[in-house]
Amino acid sequence: MSNPWEKVSLEDYENHMKLSTVQQLQKLNEIMKSQIHKYKIETIALLGIAGGNGLEHIDSSNIKIVYGIDINQNYLDVCKEKYKNLNNCLILKKLDLSNIANDLPVADIIIANLFIEYIGIDMFVKQLSKNFPPYVSCVIQKNPDINFVSDSPYVEALNEISSLHRDIKKGSLIKAMSTIGYTLIFSDEHLLPNMKKFIRLDFTNN
């Protein structure tokens, strides 16, 4: 059975995300720059890499390996073509992490921005428990009583992925992470144009 994400074109997704009324692509790019540079790391796993938004912040003289994980092969193909300069360190993998049989790559930091919403906290924690990365940095979205997918001309193309979405609460994620030995070490909130919020939560098990 195919995943709804495999049917969404990257063009529709990115055009929706960067609309002036949404501005999620731009904000996630800014957040990812900080996620990449905040900790002393050499390997990164980006979950739900899509078209590689934020990869321009990777300095391959410091970062040895970047794993880019997505369920949509077309996204990965675009990513590979767009970031040829990272060929020496970028490893792209088509993986469905909602399936427990598929494993996260071993990395110093897991970056999961607007990703946990699509596999759920329980599965995310189970995946982390396989190799316990030293750092985990996530962005979740807080919606002020409106749909997870913001209204836009592209909303029809994104309808099916809405069926996968789970609302992720900050307290629930922190509690679940603590059960497998992770401590919250950084938290930040970013207000978006339509009154939604991005909440960034960084954890370590050190």
Protein backbone atom coordinates (compact mmCIF):
# COMPACT_ATOMS: atom_id res chain seq x y z
CA MET A 1 0.00 0.00 0.00
CA SER A 2 1.47 3.35 -1.03
CA ASN A 3 1.92 6.22 1.38
CA PRO A 4 0.06 9.50 0.58
CA TRP A 5 3.41 11.34 0.69
CA GLU A 6 4.47 9.41 -2.42
CA LYS A 7 1.67 11.11 -4.40
CA VAL A 8 2.46 14.74 -3.47
CA SER A 9 4.62 16.56 -6.01
CA LEU A 10 7.60 18.41 -4.56
CA GLU A 11 6.60 21.51 -6.51
CA ASP A 12 3.14 21.61 -4.91
CA TYR A 13 4.56 20.94 -1.45
CA GLU A 14 7.33 23.57 -1.62
CA ASN A 15 5.12 26.20 -3.31
CA HIS A 16 2.57 25.75 -0.53
CA MET A 17 5.21 25.88 2.23
CA LYS A 18 6.81 29.10 0.97
CA LEU A 19 3.65 31.16 0.37
CA SER A 20 3.77 34.57 2.09
CA THR A 21 0.77 33.52 4.20
CA VAL A 22 2.50 30.29 5.30
CA GLN A 23 6.29 30.95 5.29
CA GLN A 24 7.11 27.54 6.72
CA LEU A 25 9.83 26.70 4.19
CA GLN A 26 11.73 29.89 5.03
CA LYS A 27 11.39 29.44 8.79
CA LEU A 28 12.43 25.76 8.68
CA ASN A 29 15.50 26.77 6.67
CA GLU A 30 16.47 29.27 9.35
CA ILE A 31 15.87 26.75 12.16
CA MET A 32 17.86 24.03 10.41
CA LYS A 33 20.88 26.30 10.13
CA SER A 34 20.89 26.52 13.93
CA GLN A 35 20.23 22.78 14.37
CA ILE A 36 23.26 21.96 12.22
CA HIS A 37 25.65 24.37 13.93
CA LYS A 38 24.56 24.28 17.60
CA TYR A 39 26.27 21.04 18.64
CA LYS A 40 29.62 19.38 18.06
CA ILE A 41 28.61 16.75 15.50
CA GLU A 42 30.06 14.97 12.48
CA THR A 43 27.07 12.93 11.28
CA ILE A 44 23.46 14.03 10.76
CA ALA A 45 20.26 12.18 9.87
CA LEU A 46 17.53 14.40 8.41
CA LEU A 47 14.11 12.75 8.56
CA GLY A 48 11.67 13.84 5.85
CA ILE A 49 14.32 15.64 3.79
CA ALA A 50 11.94 16.40 0.85
CA GLY A 51 13.81 18.66 -1.59
CA GLY A 52 16.69 19.34 0.77
CA ASN A 53 15.59 22.69 2.20
CA GLY A 54 18.43 23.83 4.51
CA LEU A 55 21.16 21.61 3.06
CA GLU A 56 23.00 24.72 1.85
CA HIS A 57 24.02 25.24 5.50
CA ILE A 58 26.05 22.00 5.53
CA ASP A 59 29.81 22.56 5.61
CA SER A 60 31.27 19.31 4.29
CA SER A 61 34.67 20.16 5.77
CA ASN A 62 33.10 19.71 9.24
CA ILE A 63 30.23 17.30 8.58
CA LYS A 64 31.36 13.87 7.38
CA ILE A 65 27.98 12.26 6.61
CA VAL A 66 24.46 13.59 6.10
CA TYR A 67 21.78 10.94 5.78
CA GLY A 68 18.68 12.25 4.02
CA ILE A 69 15.63 10.07 4.66
CA ASP A 70 12.34 10.30 2.81
CA ILE A 71 9.55 8.01 1.65
CA ASN A 72 9.26 9.75 -1.74
CA GLN A 73 11.94 8.70 -4.25
CA ASN A 74 11.21 11.71 -6.48
CA TYR A 75 12.08 14.06 -3.61
CA LEU A 76 15.38 12.23 -3.11
CA ASP A 77 16.19 12.41 -6.83
CA VAL A 78 15.64 16.19 -6.85
CA CYS A 79 17.72 16.52 -3.70
CA LYS A 80 20.63 14.59 -5.22
CA GLU A 81 20.59 16.72 -8.38
CA LYS A 82 20.24 20.01 -6.49
CA TYR A 83 23.04 19.37 -3.99
CA LYS A 84 25.72 17.79 -6.17
CA ASN A 85 28.29 19.76 -4.15
CA LEU A 86 27.50 17.46 -1.18
CA ASN A 87 27.97 14.21 -3.11
CA ASN A 88 30.96 13.30 -0.95
CA CYS A 89 28.89 13.34 2.26
CA LEU A 90 25.17 13.15 1.34
CA ILE A 91 23.63 9.68 1.53
CA LEU A 92 19.98 9.55 0.49
CA LYS A 93 17.74 6.69 1.61
CA LYS A 94 14.13 5.85 0.73
CA LEU A 95 12.68 4.62 4.02
CA ASP A 96 9.26 4.42 5.62
CA LEU A 97 10.03 4.95 9.30
CA SER A 98 6.43 4.26 10.30
CA ASN A 99 7.42 0.63 9.68
CA ILE A 100 9.39 -0.67 12.68
CA ALA A 101 11.28 -3.06 10.40
CA ASN A 102 13.10 -0.05 8.89
CA ASP A 103 15.93 1.41 10.95
CA LEU A 104 17.22 4.92 11.49
CA PRO A 105 20.82 5.40 10.36
CA VAL A 106 23.38 5.82 13.14
CA ALA A 107 24.18 9.55 13.50
CA ASP A 108 25.33 12.12 16.07
CA ILE A 109 22.07 14.06 15.67
CA ILE A 110 18.62 13.24 14.38
CA ILE A 111 16.78 16.24 12.92
CA ALA A 112 13.04 15.65 12.63
CA ASN A 113 11.18 18.80 11.54
CA LEU A 114 7.42 18.39 11.01
CA PHE A 115 8.10 14.68 10.83
CA ILE A 116 6.88 13.18 14.11
CA GLU A 117 3.33 14.29 13.16
CA TYR A 118 3.37 11.64 10.42
CA ILE A 119 4.68 8.60 12.32
CA GLY A 120 3.55 9.42 15.86
CA ILE A 121 5.46 9.79 19.13
CA ASP A 122 5.41 6.08 19.99
CA MET A 123 7.00 5.01 16.70
CA PHE A 124 9.51 7.87 16.84
CA VAL A 125 10.65 6.82 20.31
CA LYS A 126 10.86 3.16 19.24
CA GLN A 127 13.07 4.13 16.30
CA LEU A 128 15.38 6.24 18.52
CA SER A 129 15.62 3.35 20.99
CA LYS A 130 17.39 1.21 18.40
CA ASN A 131 20.63 3.23 18.47
CA PHE A 132 20.12 6.18 20.88
CA PRO A 133 21.67 9.12 18.96
CA PRO A 134 23.43 11.61 21.29
CA TYR A 135 21.26 14.52 20.09
CA VAL A 136 17.72 14.80 18.75
CA SER A 137 16.30 18.09 17.46
CA CYS A 138 12.63 18.31 16.44
CA VAL A 139 10.20 20.92 15.21
CA ILE A 140 6.52 20.36 15.93
CA GLN A 141 3.64 22.60 14.94
CA LYS A 142 1.05 24.17 17.22
CA ASN A 143 -2.21 25.00 15.49
CA PRO A 144 -4.63 27.60 16.93
CA ASP A 145 -7.80 25.55 16.30
CA ILE A 146 -7.19 25.36 12.55
CA ASN A 147 -6.07 22.62 10.19
CA PHE A 148 -2.50 21.33 10.28
CA VAL A 149 -2.20 22.01 6.54
CA SER A 150 -2.64 25.78 6.09
CA ASP A 151 -5.17 27.07 3.59
CA SER A 152 -3.62 27.74 0.17
CA PRO A 153 -4.17 27.15 -3.55
CA TYR A 154 -2.29 23.85 -3.08
CA VAL A 155 -4.40 22.49 -0.23
CA GLU A 156 -6.25 20.01 -2.47
CA ALA A 157 -2.95 18.43 -3.54
CA LEU A 158 -2.06 18.01 0.13
CA ASN A 159 -5.43 16.63 1.28
CA GLU A 160 -4.36 13.01 1.51
CA ILE A 161 -1.36 13.66 3.76
CA SER A 162 -3.70 15.37 6.24
CA SER A 163 -5.17 11.93 6.92
CA LEU A 164 -1.79 10.79 8.32
CA HIS A 165 -1.32 13.75 10.61
CA ARG A 166 -1.34 13.44 14.40
CA ASP A 167 -1.32 16.44 16.70
CA ILE A 168 1.91 16.37 18.72
CA LYS A 169 1.86 18.05 22.10
CA LYS A 170 5.08 19.45 23.54
CA GLY A 171 4.53 17.93 27.00
CA SER A 172 3.74 14.50 25.58
CA LEU A 173 6.88 14.47 23.46
CA ILE A 174 9.11 15.58 26.35
CA LYS A 175 7.59 12.92 28.62
CA ALA A 176 8.01 10.16 26.01
CA MET A 177 11.62 11.18 25.35
CA SER A 178 12.38 11.10 29.09
CA THR A 179 11.20 7.48 29.29
CA ILE A 180 14.11 6.47 27.02
CA GLY A 181 16.69 8.63 28.79
CA TYR A 182 16.53 11.94 26.90
CA THR A 183 16.60 15.36 28.58
CA LEU A 184 15.31 18.58 27.03
CA ILE A 185 18.27 20.95 26.60
CA PHE A 186 16.82 23.66 24.35
CA SER A 187 13.36 24.95 23.49
CA ASP A 188 12.26 27.76 21.20
CA GLU A 189 9.04 29.00 19.59
CA HIS A 190 8.55 30.72 16.24
CA LEU A 191 5.30 32.48 15.36
CA LEU A 192 4.17 32.07 11.74
CA PRO A 193 2.08 34.53 9.68
CA ASN A 194 -1.20 32.62 10.15
CA MET A 195 -0.77 32.44 13.95
CA LYS A 196 0.51 28.88 13.91
CA LYS A 197 3.71 28.21 15.86
CA PHE A 198 6.77 26.10 15.27
CA ILE A 199 8.09 24.67 18.54
CA ARG A 200 11.68 23.47 18.45
CA LEU A 201 12.74 20.93 21.08
CA ASP A 202 16.32 19.65 21.41
CA PHE A 203 17.21 16.61 23.51
CA THR A 204 20.35 14.79 24.60
CA ASN A 205 21.04 11.51 26.37
CA ASN A 206 24.54 12.58 27.47
